[in-house]
Amino acid sequence: MTKTIIQFVVLFLALIVLQLVCNKIVLFNIAMPVVFIYLILRLPVNLHGGWVLTIAFFSGLIIDIFNNTPGMNALACTLMAAVRRPVFNLFVSRENDMNIPIPSVDSMGVGDYFKYMASLVTFYCALIFLIQAFSLHDIMLTLARIAGSSALSIIIIFGLDSLVSTRREKRL
């Protein structure tokens, strides 16, 4: 238990630093990678919802502090954490639910994990860019940013998962 907490704290700190570096990377003025949400995606399934919301809020708040964005990431992270469990249940049956302690490619399989991860990353990107635009004036640019950032973030998070996941997490 303590080992798992230490691993998540180290992962949290590494993802925050990585996100601060990635904030300087914007492809074609459209796609910006969002990697710090990987921590929220990777939290244990059986973790109490209050803890998930608290961790998500504070991780978003830390990014907001460094980016000088007043609460946008905190709001988007908290809403993403709120829909995390229902999205997980969409792709994993109830009887397999308890056999998957931590969502990953190894525990869920490539297809189910990709759908789970892509849904939540796209949800987060849609929230953050719609909050940032706060209007539908230039909807095509906003949709391009959502699509580009989602695609880039999905690719990076998929790669991160292959680095972080251990082979001990067996698929059902």
C-alpha atoms as a PDB file:
ATOM      1  CA  MET A   1       0.000   0.000   0.000  1.00  0.00           C
ATOM      2  CA  THR A   2       2.733   2.467   0.949  1.00  0.00           C
ATOM      3  CA  LYS A   3       4.726   1.451  -2.108  1.00  0.00           C
ATOM      4  CA  THR A   4       1.732   2.221  -4.334  1.00  0.00           C
ATOM      5  CA  ILE A   5       1.254   5.646  -2.740  1.00  0.00           C
ATOM      6  CA  ILE A   6       4.923   6.490  -3.228  1.00  0.00           C
ATOM      7  CA  GLN A   7       4.718   5.376  -6.862  1.00  0.00           C
ATOM      8  CA  PHE A   8       1.699   7.622  -7.456  1.00  0.00           C
ATOM      9  CA  VAL A   9       3.390  10.603  -5.781  1.00  0.00           C
ATOM     10  CA  VAL A  10       6.498  10.144  -7.931  1.00  0.00           C
ATOM     11  CA  LEU A  11       4.314   9.731 -11.031  1.00  0.00           C
ATOM     12  CA  PHE A  12       2.367  12.873 -10.066  1.00  0.00           C
ATOM     13  CA  LEU A  13       5.519  14.976  -9.686  1.00  0.00           C
ATOM     14  CA  ALA A  14       7.020  13.630 -12.920  1.00  0.00           C
ATOM     15  CA  LEU A  15       3.811  14.322 -14.857  1.00  0.00           C
ATOM     16  CA  ILE A  16       3.573  17.878 -13.520  1.00  0.00           C
ATOM     17  CA  VAL A  17       7.146  18.600 -14.617  1.00  0.00           C
ATOM     18  CA  LEU A  18       6.513  16.927 -17.975  1.00  0.00           C
ATOM     19  CA  GLN A  19       3.351  19.001 -18.448  1.00  0.00           C
ATOM     20  CA  LEU A  20       5.245  22.206 -17.702  1.00  0.00           C
ATOM     21  CA  VAL A  21       7.679  21.276 -20.470  1.00  0.00           C
ATOM     22  CA  CYS A  22       4.859  20.256 -22.829  1.00  0.00           C
ATOM     23  CA  ASN A  23       3.093  23.580 -22.289  1.00  0.00           C
ATOM     24  CA  LYS A  24       5.822  25.161 -24.420  1.00  0.00           C
ATOM     25  CA  ILE A  25       5.091  22.732 -27.276  1.00  0.00           C
ATOM     26  CA  VAL A  26       2.247  23.759 -29.560  1.00  0.00           C
ATOM     27  CA  LEU A  27       2.075  22.163 -33.001  1.00  0.00           C
ATOM     28  CA  PHE A  28       0.774  24.419 -35.791  1.00  0.00           C
ATOM     29  CA  ASN A  29      -0.826  26.690 -33.182  1.00  0.00           C
ATOM     30  CA  ILE A  30      -3.457  23.974 -32.704  1.00  0.00           C
ATOM     31  CA  ALA A  31      -2.259  20.859 -30.869  1.00  0.00           C
ATOM     32  CA  MET A  32      -0.898  21.062 -27.332  1.00  0.00           C
ATOM     33  CA  PRO A  33      -0.132  17.795 -25.515  1.00  0.00           C
ATOM     34  CA  VAL A  34      -1.869  17.261 -22.180  1.00  0.00           C
ATOM     35  CA  VAL A  35      -0.059  14.556 -20.240  1.00  0.00           C
ATOM     36  CA  PHE A  36      -0.743  15.297 -16.576  1.00  0.00           C
ATOM     37  CA  ILE A  37      -4.252  13.815 -16.801  1.00  0.00           C
ATOM     38  CA  TYR A  38      -2.626  10.395 -17.140  1.00  0.00           C
ATOM     39  CA  LEU A  39      -2.467  10.323 -13.343  1.00  0.00           C
ATOM     40  CA  ILE A  40      -6.266  10.633 -13.123  1.00  0.00           C
ATOM     41  CA  LEU A  41      -6.709   7.947 -15.769  1.00  0.00           C
ATOM     42  CA  ARG A  42      -4.378   5.630 -13.865  1.00  0.00           C
ATOM     43  CA  LEU A  43      -5.876   5.992 -10.374  1.00  0.00           C
ATOM     44  CA  PRO A  44      -7.142   2.677  -8.948  1.00  0.00           C
ATOM     45  CA  VAL A  45     -10.695   1.800  -9.929  1.00  0.00           C
ATOM     46  CA  ASN A  46     -11.732   0.991  -6.370  1.00  0.00           C
ATOM     47  CA  LEU A  47     -10.412   4.304  -4.970  1.00  0.00           C
ATOM     48  CA  HIS A  48     -13.205   6.249  -3.259  1.00  0.00           C
ATOM     49  CA  GLY A  49     -14.796   8.878  -5.492  1.00  0.00           C
ATOM     50  CA  GLY A  50     -14.051  11.677  -3.048  1.00  0.00           C
ATOM     51  CA  TRP A  51     -10.340  10.960  -3.231  1.00  0.00           C
ATOM     52  CA  VAL A  52     -10.435  10.817  -7.030  1.00  0.00           C
ATOM     53  CA  LEU A  53     -12.169  14.206  -7.195  1.00  0.00           C
ATOM     54  CA  THR A  54      -9.743  15.725  -4.675  1.00  0.00           C
ATOM     55  CA  ILE A  55      -6.654  14.449  -6.483  1.00  0.00           C
ATOM     56  CA  ALA A  56      -8.034  15.625  -9.823  1.00  0.00           C
ATOM     57  CA  PHE A  57      -8.897  19.055  -8.464  1.00  0.00           C
ATOM     58  CA  PHE A  58      -5.486  19.636  -6.914  1.00  0.00           C
ATOM     59  CA  SER A  59      -3.589  18.367  -9.959  1.00  0.00           C
ATOM     60  CA  GLY A  60      -5.588  20.758 -12.141  1.00  0.00           C
ATOM     61  CA  LEU A  61      -5.064  23.565  -9.636  1.00  0.00           C
ATOM     62  CA  ILE A  62      -1.292  23.058  -9.667  1.00  0.00           C
ATOM     63  CA  ILE A  63      -1.268  23.284 -13.464  1.00  0.00           C
ATOM     64  CA  ASP A  64      -3.470  26.389 -13.234  1.00  0.00           C
ATOM     65  CA  ILE A  65      -1.015  28.019 -10.846  1.00  0.00           C
ATOM     66  CA  PHE A  66       1.922  27.432 -13.184  1.00  0.00           C
ATOM     67  CA  ASN A  67      -0.020  28.405 -16.332  1.00  0.00           C
ATOM     68  CA  ASN A  68      -1.741  31.428 -14.794  1.00  0.00           C
ATOM     69  CA  THR A  69      -5.128  30.083 -15.868  1.00  0.00           C
ATOM     70  CA  PRO A  70      -7.692  30.814 -13.166  1.00  0.00           C
ATOM     71  CA  GLY A  71      -9.292  27.456 -12.424  1.00  0.00           C
ATOM     72  CA  MET A  72      -9.794  26.176 -15.970  1.00  0.00           C
ATOM     73  CA  ASN A  73      -7.725  23.015 -15.526  1.00  0.00           C
ATOM     74  CA  ALA A  74      -9.098  22.436 -12.028  1.00  0.00           C
ATOM     75  CA  LEU A  75     -12.647  22.533 -13.384  1.00  0.00           C
ATOM     76  CA  ALA A  76     -11.888  20.309 -16.366  1.00  0.00           C
ATOM     77  CA  CYS A  77      -9.968  17.783 -14.239  1.00  0.00           C
ATOM     78  CA  THR A  78     -12.711  17.633 -11.624  1.00  0.00           C
ATOM     79  CA  LEU A  79     -15.408  17.054 -14.240  1.00  0.00           C
ATOM     80  CA  MET A  80     -13.264  14.429 -15.956  1.00  0.00           C
ATOM     81  CA  ALA A  81     -12.779  12.662 -12.614  1.00  0.00           C
ATOM     82  CA  ALA A  82     -16.529  12.758 -12.029  1.00  0.00           C
ATOM     83  CA  VAL A  83     -17.257  10.913 -15.283  1.00  0.00           C
ATOM     84  CA  ARG A  84     -14.242   8.573 -15.008  1.00  0.00           C
ATOM     85  CA  ARG A  85     -16.069   5.710 -13.266  1.00  0.00           C
ATOM     86  CA  PRO A  86     -19.139   5.714 -15.581  1.00  0.00           C
ATOM     87  CA  VAL A  87     -16.844   5.771 -18.628  1.00  0.00           C
ATOM     88  CA  PHE A  88     -14.836   2.888 -17.162  1.00  0.00           C
ATOM     89  CA  ASN A  89     -18.062   0.919 -16.636  1.00  0.00           C
ATOM     90  CA  LEU A  90     -18.982   1.455 -20.288  1.00  0.00           C
ATOM     91  CA  PHE A  91     -15.991  -0.554 -21.424  1.00  0.00           C
ATOM     92  CA  VAL A  92     -15.585  -3.100 -18.608  1.00  0.00           C
ATOM     93  CA  SER A  93     -18.293  -5.481 -17.420  1.00  0.00           C
ATOM     94  CA  ARG A  94     -19.304  -5.546 -13.748  1.00  0.00           C
ATOM     95  CA  GLU A  95     -17.855  -9.017 -13.079  1.00  0.00           C
ATOM     96  CA  ASN A  96     -14.453  -7.989 -14.478  1.00  0.00           C
ATOM     97  CA  ASP A  97     -14.540  -4.695 -12.578  1.00  0.00           C
ATOM     98  CA  MET A  98     -12.871  -5.972  -9.410  1.00  0.00           C
ATOM     99  CA  ASN A  99     -10.183  -7.863 -11.340  1.00  0.00           C
ATOM    100  CA  ILE A 100      -8.771  -4.602 -12.739  1.00  0.00           C
ATOM    101  CA  PRO A 101      -7.128  -2.683  -9.892  1.00  0.00           C
ATOM    102  CA  ILE A 102      -5.451  -0.031 -12.068  1.00  0.00           C
ATOM    103  CA  PRO A 103      -6.576   0.773 -15.623  1.00  0.00           C
ATOM    104  CA  SER A 104      -3.807   0.065 -18.111  1.00  0.00           C
ATOM    105  CA  VAL A 105      -3.168  -1.693 -21.406  1.00  0.00           C
ATOM    106  CA  ASP A 106      -1.942  -4.750 -19.516  1.00  0.00           C
ATOM    107  CA  SER A 107      -5.000  -5.036 -17.280  1.00  0.00           C
ATOM    108  CA  MET A 108      -7.776  -4.033 -19.705  1.00  0.00           C
ATOM    109  CA  GLY A 109      -6.423  -4.963 -23.094  1.00  0.00           C
ATOM    110  CA  VAL A 110      -5.490  -2.572 -25.885  1.00  0.00           C
ATOM    111  CA  GLY A 111      -8.993  -2.028 -27.280  1.00  0.00           C
ATOM    112  CA  ASP A 112     -10.843  -1.381 -24.034  1.00  0.00           C
ATOM    113  CA  TYR A 113      -8.065   0.758 -22.587  1.00  0.00           C
ATOM    114  CA  PHE A 114      -7.814   2.802 -25.768  1.00  0.00           C
ATOM    115  CA  LYS A 115     -11.565   3.500 -25.740  1.00  0.00           C
ATOM    116  CA  TYR A 116     -11.484   4.380 -22.029  1.00  0.00           C
ATOM    117  CA  MET A 117      -8.458   6.633 -22.366  1.00  0.00           C
ATOM    118  CA  ALA A 118      -9.487   8.281 -25.645  1.00  0.00           C
ATOM    119  CA  SER A 119     -12.957   9.074 -24.302  1.00  0.00           C
ATOM    120  CA  LEU A 120     -11.648  10.797 -21.196  1.00  0.00           C
ATOM    121  CA  VAL A 121      -8.817  12.632 -22.967  1.00  0.00           C
ATOM    122  CA  THR A 122     -11.215  13.937 -25.617  1.00  0.00           C
ATOM    123  CA  PHE A 123     -13.685  14.938 -22.880  1.00  0.00           C
ATOM    124  CA  TYR A 124     -10.942  16.844 -21.050  1.00  0.00           C
ATOM    125  CA  CYS A 125      -9.673  18.572 -24.211  1.00  0.00           C
ATOM    126  CA  ALA A 126     -13.209  19.550 -25.220  1.00  0.00           C
ATOM    127  CA  LEU A 127     -13.844  21.025 -21.778  1.00  0.00           C
ATOM    128  CA  ILE A 128     -10.587  22.930 -21.531  1.00  0.00           C
ATOM    129  CA  PHE A 129     -10.778  24.450 -25.020  1.00  0.00           C
ATOM    130  CA  LEU A 130     -14.466  25.342 -24.744  1.00  0.00           C
ATOM    131  CA  ILE A 131     -13.799  26.992 -21.371  1.00  0.00           C
ATOM    132  CA  GLN A 132     -10.815  28.792 -22.877  1.00  0.00           C
ATOM    133  CA  ALA A 133     -12.757  30.048 -25.906  1.00  0.00           C
ATOM    134  CA  PHE A 134     -15.880  30.789 -23.824  1.00  0.00           C
ATOM    135  CA  SER A 135     -17.816  31.408 -27.026  1.00  0.00           C
ATOM    136  CA  LEU A 136     -18.759  29.719 -30.247  1.00  0.00           C
ATOM    137  CA  HIS A 137     -17.384  32.580 -32.334  1.00  0.00           C
ATOM    138  CA  ASP A 138     -14.552  30.627 -33.940  1.00  0.00           C
ATOM    139  CA  ILE A 139     -15.921  27.123 -33.506  1.00  0.00           C
ATOM    140  CA  MET A 140     -13.819  25.583 -36.301  1.00  0.00           C
ATOM    141  CA  LEU A 141     -10.557  26.640 -34.642  1.00  0.00           C
ATOM    142  CA  THR A 142     -11.819  25.336 -31.299  1.00  0.00           C
ATOM    143  CA  LEU A 143     -12.807  21.999 -32.855  1.00  0.00           C
ATOM    144  CA  ALA A 144      -9.413  21.763 -34.560  1.00  0.00           C
ATOM    145  CA  ARG A 145      -7.686  22.400 -31.232  1.00  0.00           C
ATOM    146  CA  ILE A 146      -9.824  19.765 -29.521  1.00  0.00           C
ATOM    147  CA  ALA A 147      -9.099  17.181 -32.238  1.00  0.00           C
ATOM    148  CA  GLY A 148      -5.386  17.981 -32.525  1.00  0.00           C
ATOM    149  CA  SER A 149      -4.707  18.110 -28.808  1.00  0.00           C
ATOM    150  CA  SER A 150      -6.743  14.967 -28.189  1.00  0.00           C
ATOM    151  CA  ALA A 151      -4.879  13.010 -30.859  1.00  0.00           C
ATOM    152  CA  LEU A 152      -1.452  14.187 -29.696  1.00  0.00           C
ATOM    153  CA  SER A 153      -2.292  13.576 -26.027  1.00  0.00           C
ATOM    154  CA  ILE A 154      -3.670  10.097 -26.739  1.00  0.00           C
ATOM    155  CA  ILE A 155      -0.472   9.113 -28.545  1.00  0.00           C
ATOM    156  CA  ILE A 156       1.744  10.429 -25.748  1.00  0.00           C
ATOM    157  CA  ILE A 157      -0.368   8.926 -22.950  1.00  0.00           C
ATOM    158  CA  PHE A 158      -0.423   5.568 -24.743  1.00  0.00           C
ATOM    159  CA  GLY A 159       3.376   5.698 -24.861  1.00  0.00           C
ATOM    160  CA  LEU A 160       3.569   6.731 -21.208  1.00  0.00           C
ATOM    161  CA  ASP A 161       1.379   3.813 -20.249  1.00  0.00           C
ATOM    162  CA  SER A 162       3.698   1.387 -21.989  1.00  0.00           C
ATOM    163  CA  LEU A 163       6.609   2.829 -19.993  1.00  0.00           C
ATOM    164  CA  VAL A 164       4.842   2.945 -16.615  1.00  0.00           C
ATOM    165  CA  SER A 165       2.838  -0.285 -16.726  1.00  0.00           C
ATOM    166  CA  THR A 166       4.385  -3.357 -15.243  1.00  0.00           C
ATOM    167  CA  ARG A 167       4.073  -6.847 -16.610  1.00  0.00           C
ATOM    168  CA  ARG A 168       2.587  -7.956 -13.286  1.00  0.00           C
ATOM    169  CA  GLU A 169      -0.729  -6.449 -14.354  1.00  0.00           C
ATOM    170  CA  LYS A 170      -2.167  -9.410 -16.212  1.00  0.00           C
ATOM    171  CA  ARG A 171      -5.039  -9.200 -18.600  1.00  0.00           C
ATOM    172  CA  LEU A 172      -8.147 -11.166 -17.667  1.00  0.00           C
END
